[in-house]
Structure formats: C-alpha cells, structure tokens
Amino acid sequence: MSRVGRAPITLPKGVDISLNMTGTEAVVKGPKGSLKVPVSPRIKVKNDAGTVSLERSADGRDDRAQHGLARALLNNAITGVSTGYSRNLEIQGVGFRCAMKGKTLELSIGYSHPVVVNPPEGITIAAPEQTKITVSGIDKQLVGQVAANIRELRPPDAYQGKGIRYEGEFVKLKPGKAAAK
C-alpha cells in the first residue's frame, strides 16, 4: 500500500471538505478561501470527524500512483486554505530593483524598458524592499508557477550572479576568461 496515500490528513479548525455527487472533485473551504481538487474515480475519500482518509479500489500500478497523488493534492489544498503558501525571490545586480504600482509589480532588471508583472487571480505579489519579492496565495502550484515566471524574466547569470533568484538559492559562478601567458 502507498505510504503517502495511507497517511490520514487531520483537518485544522475552520477547514471543511466536501465531495461532489460523482466523487471526482473535492471542495476544500477554509478561512483563506476555497479550492477544488480533482480526485480520480478509483479513489474513495472518507471524512470522519476531522480526519480525511483515502482508499483505492484496486492494487494496480496506476491505482497506487493515483492514491499517493490524490492524498498529496488534498493535503496541499488543506494547508493552502488554512495557512497559505508563499515564495520569496531576491534581485541581485547593480541598478536592478522592483516596485509595486497598485497590484502590479514593476521590475527594472537591465532591459531598456520596465517589465510589468500582473498577478493572476488568487495571487498576491508584494515588494517589501527594492530587492525582495514575495509571491503568496492559497494554491501551491499557482504560487510556484508565478514565482518561476518572475524568475524566468532574468535568471541568475552564471558569470556575475546578477538576476532574479529564489531566496537562499546558491548560484555557482563560473570563472571568467583566463589571461593568456
């Protein structure tokens, strides 16, 4: 049996989970919002007084894979609606900075024009400092994707380290050209 899928999920206070009639979608509601999680028809979701457990109907390879996946997606949704997710980015480089213009993020990252990032619905972008960006929301996948899209605008340079990187990300710098002797 799947080790991930077998583990029960404890619901925090204020979080409620419900299944649609066909059992192919779970709706997780909490203090920060609500998320819909698709569930394979091969998986049965049981909600017993604050504890959610998942069971699979067969023991095939695909069933085992869906079991662990469904449990992980459901756990991520429960964590998202109760505490939320955030991803921090750092900007490094001379003259590189960011600023908030309403809800949009404006980046000066070495191009001839400022780069404007509009967050999708459900995502909040903040710039507490000129070189720090925080992406937060309740959907773990969407938070990670928006942070990756911002990083992709100017990834860290391999020679000087300039660019946008995740907080705590280590970039190994390559040596420059060696002088000819």
Protein backbone atom coordinates (compact mmCIF):
# COMPACT_ATOMS: atom_id res chain seq x y z
CA MET A 1 0.00 0.00 0.00
CA SER A 2 1.17 3.52 -0.74
CA ARG A 3 2.92 5.09 2.24
CA VAL A 4 1.86 8.58 1.22
CA GLY A 5 -1.72 7.65 0.38
CA ARG A 6 -2.15 5.59 3.55
CA ALA A 7 -1.42 8.50 5.93
CA PRO A 8 -4.58 10.23 7.22
CA ILE A 9 -4.97 14.01 6.97
CA THR A 10 -6.07 15.91 10.08
CA LEU A 11 -8.31 18.87 9.28
CA PRO A 12 -7.35 22.11 11.06
CA LYS A 13 -10.07 24.21 12.74
CA GLY A 14 -12.21 26.12 10.29
CA VAL A 15 -11.44 23.84 7.33
CA ASP A 16 -14.25 21.82 5.75
CA ILE A 17 -14.11 19.30 2.91
CA SER A 18 -16.98 18.08 0.74
CA LEU A 19 -17.24 15.83 -2.32
CA ASN A 20 -19.44 16.36 -5.37
CA MET A 21 -22.10 13.79 -6.29
CA THR A 22 -19.86 11.78 -8.63
CA GLY A 23 -16.94 11.78 -6.18
CA THR A 24 -14.49 13.12 -8.76
CA GLU A 25 -13.93 16.51 -7.15
CA ALA A 26 -13.34 17.60 -3.56
CA VAL A 27 -14.06 21.16 -2.45
CA VAL A 28 -11.89 22.37 0.43
CA LYS A 29 -13.09 25.51 2.24
CA GLY A 30 -11.14 27.39 4.89
CA PRO A 31 -10.51 30.82 6.35
CA LYS A 32 -8.35 31.95 3.38
CA GLY A 33 -10.70 30.74 0.61
CA SER A 34 -11.75 27.57 -1.18
CA LEU A 35 -10.08 25.23 -3.66
CA LYS A 36 -11.37 22.47 -5.91
CA VAL A 37 -9.23 19.32 -6.08
CA PRO A 38 -9.82 16.68 -8.78
CA VAL A 39 -9.95 13.12 -7.42
CA SER A 40 -9.63 10.00 -9.56
CA PRO A 41 -12.77 7.83 -9.68
CA ARG A 42 -10.52 4.96 -8.50
CA ILE A 43 -10.02 6.69 -5.13
CA LYS A 44 -12.58 6.89 -2.32
CA VAL A 45 -12.33 9.87 0.06
CA LYS A 46 -13.71 9.43 3.60
CA ASN A 47 -14.21 12.30 6.04
CA ASP A 48 -14.53 11.02 9.63
CA ALA A 49 -14.91 13.83 12.21
CA GLY A 50 -11.90 15.93 11.33
CA THR A 51 -9.77 13.18 9.75
CA VAL A 52 -9.67 12.57 6.00
CA SER A 53 -8.51 9.20 4.68
CA LEU A 54 -8.21 7.89 1.12
CA GLU A 55 -8.66 4.32 -0.09
CA ARG A 56 -8.14 2.81 -3.51
CA SER A 57 -10.34 0.20 -5.15
CA ALA A 58 -7.61 -1.95 -6.75
CA ASP A 59 -3.90 -2.59 -6.26
CA GLY A 60 -2.62 -1.89 -9.79
CA ARG A 61 0.33 0.35 -10.54
CA ASP A 62 -1.86 3.24 -11.76
CA ASP A 63 -4.14 2.88 -8.73
CA ARG A 64 -1.18 3.11 -6.35
CA ALA A 65 0.13 6.20 -8.16
CA GLN A 66 -3.28 7.92 -8.07
CA HIS A 67 -3.61 7.08 -4.36
CA GLY A 68 -0.49 8.98 -3.31
CA LEU A 69 -1.13 11.81 -5.76
CA ALA A 70 -4.70 12.39 -4.59
CA ARG A 71 -3.61 12.46 -0.95
CA ALA A 72 -0.78 14.92 -1.66
CA LEU A 73 -3.04 17.26 -3.67
CA LEU A 74 -5.72 17.16 -0.96
CA ASN A 75 -3.17 17.84 1.79
CA ASN A 76 -1.74 20.79 -0.20
CA ALA A 77 -5.24 22.25 -0.63
CA ILE A 78 -6.00 21.87 3.09
CA THR A 79 -2.72 23.57 4.04
CA GLY A 80 -3.35 26.31 1.46
CA VAL A 81 -6.82 27.29 2.68
CA SER A 82 -5.71 27.24 6.32
CA THR A 83 -2.22 28.87 6.30
CA GLY A 84 -1.44 29.65 2.64
CA TYR A 85 1.81 29.41 0.70
CA SER A 86 4.46 31.97 -0.14
CA ARG A 87 7.63 32.03 -2.20
CA ASN A 88 10.36 34.64 -1.74
CA LEU A 89 12.60 35.96 -4.52
CA GLU A 90 15.71 38.14 -4.40
CA ILE A 91 17.02 40.54 -7.03
CA GLN A 92 20.79 40.90 -7.32
CA GLY A 93 22.63 43.27 -9.61
CA VAL A 94 23.63 46.92 -9.81
CA GLY A 95 20.57 49.01 -10.68
CA PHE A 96 18.18 46.03 -10.53
CA ARG A 97 15.09 46.79 -8.42
CA CYS A 98 11.36 46.29 -8.12
CA ALA A 99 8.40 48.43 -7.06
CA MET A 100 4.68 47.90 -6.66
CA LYS A 101 2.34 50.01 -8.84
CA GLY A 102 -1.06 49.19 -7.38
CA LYS A 103 -1.38 45.40 -7.61
CA THR A 104 1.18 45.06 -10.42
CA LEU A 105 4.89 44.53 -9.99
CA GLU A 106 7.26 46.73 -11.98
CA LEU A 107 10.79 45.40 -12.44
CA SER A 108 13.90 47.29 -13.58
CA ILE A 109 16.20 44.41 -14.46
CA GLY A 110 18.58 45.70 -17.09
CA TYR A 111 16.26 45.98 -20.09
CA SER A 112 15.57 49.25 -21.92
CA HIS A 113 12.02 49.23 -20.53
CA PRO A 114 10.47 48.32 -17.17
CA VAL A 115 8.95 44.83 -17.05
CA VAL A 116 5.40 44.75 -15.63
CA VAL A 117 4.02 41.59 -13.99
CA ASN A 118 0.26 41.32 -13.43
CA PRO A 119 -0.59 38.64 -10.85
CA PRO A 120 -3.33 36.14 -11.74
CA GLU A 121 -6.47 35.95 -9.62
CA GLY A 122 -5.78 34.42 -6.21
CA ILE A 123 -2.13 35.50 -6.11
CA THR A 124 -0.72 38.41 -4.13
CA ILE A 125 2.65 39.91 -5.00
CA ALA A 126 4.44 42.16 -2.53
CA ALA A 127 7.76 44.01 -2.65
CA PRO A 128 8.77 44.75 0.97
CA GLU A 129 12.17 46.04 -0.24
CA GLN A 130 13.56 47.13 -3.59
CA THR A 131 15.37 43.82 -3.97
CA LYS A 132 12.85 41.40 -2.43
CA ILE A 133 9.66 39.95 -3.91
CA THR A 134 7.08 37.82 -2.09
CA VAL A 135 4.52 35.76 -4.02
CA SER A 136 1.70 34.36 -1.87
CA GLY A 137 -1.64 32.61 -2.28
CA ILE A 138 -3.62 29.50 -1.36
CA ASP A 139 -2.83 27.34 -4.40
CA LYS A 140 0.66 25.82 -4.03
CA GLN A 141 1.04 25.06 -7.73
CA LEU A 142 -0.02 28.55 -8.83
CA VAL A 143 2.26 30.28 -6.29
CA GLY A 144 5.24 28.24 -7.51
CA GLN A 145 4.40 28.85 -11.17
CA VAL A 146 4.08 32.63 -10.76
CA ALA A 147 7.39 32.73 -8.83
CA ALA A 148 9.05 30.67 -11.58
CA ASN A 149 7.65 33.01 -14.26
CA ILE A 150 9.08 36.05 -12.44
CA ARG A 151 12.47 34.31 -12.03
CA GLU A 152 12.44 33.44 -15.73
CA LEU A 153 12.36 37.15 -16.67
CA ARG A 154 16.04 37.43 -15.67
CA PRO A 155 17.52 34.16 -14.34
CA PRO A 156 20.81 34.39 -12.41
CA ASP A 157 23.83 34.93 -14.64
CA ALA A 158 26.43 32.15 -14.40
CA TYR A 159 29.39 34.56 -14.52
CA GLN A 160 28.38 37.51 -12.31
CA GLY A 161 25.34 36.16 -10.43
CA LYS A 162 23.10 39.06 -11.48
CA GLY A 163 19.40 38.37 -11.87
CA ILE A 164 16.34 37.12 -10.00
CA ARG A 165 16.74 34.07 -7.78
CA TYR A 166 14.82 32.24 -5.08
CA GLU A 167 15.64 33.22 -1.52
CA GLY A 168 18.50 31.06 -0.33
CA GLU A 169 19.30 29.76 -3.84
CA PHE A 170 23.01 29.20 -4.38
CA VAL A 171 24.40 30.06 -7.80
CA LYS A 172 27.83 28.65 -8.51
CA LEU A 173 29.74 31.20 -10.55
CA LYS A 174 31.87 30.13 -13.49
CA PRO A 175 35.39 31.54 -13.80
CA GLY A 176 35.90 34.18 -16.47
CA LYS A 177 38.46 34.01 -19.24
CA ALA A 178 41.95 33.19 -18.09
CA ALA A 179 44.64 35.66 -19.07
CA ALA A 180 46.97 34.46 -21.84
CA LYS A 181 50.60 34.00 -20.83
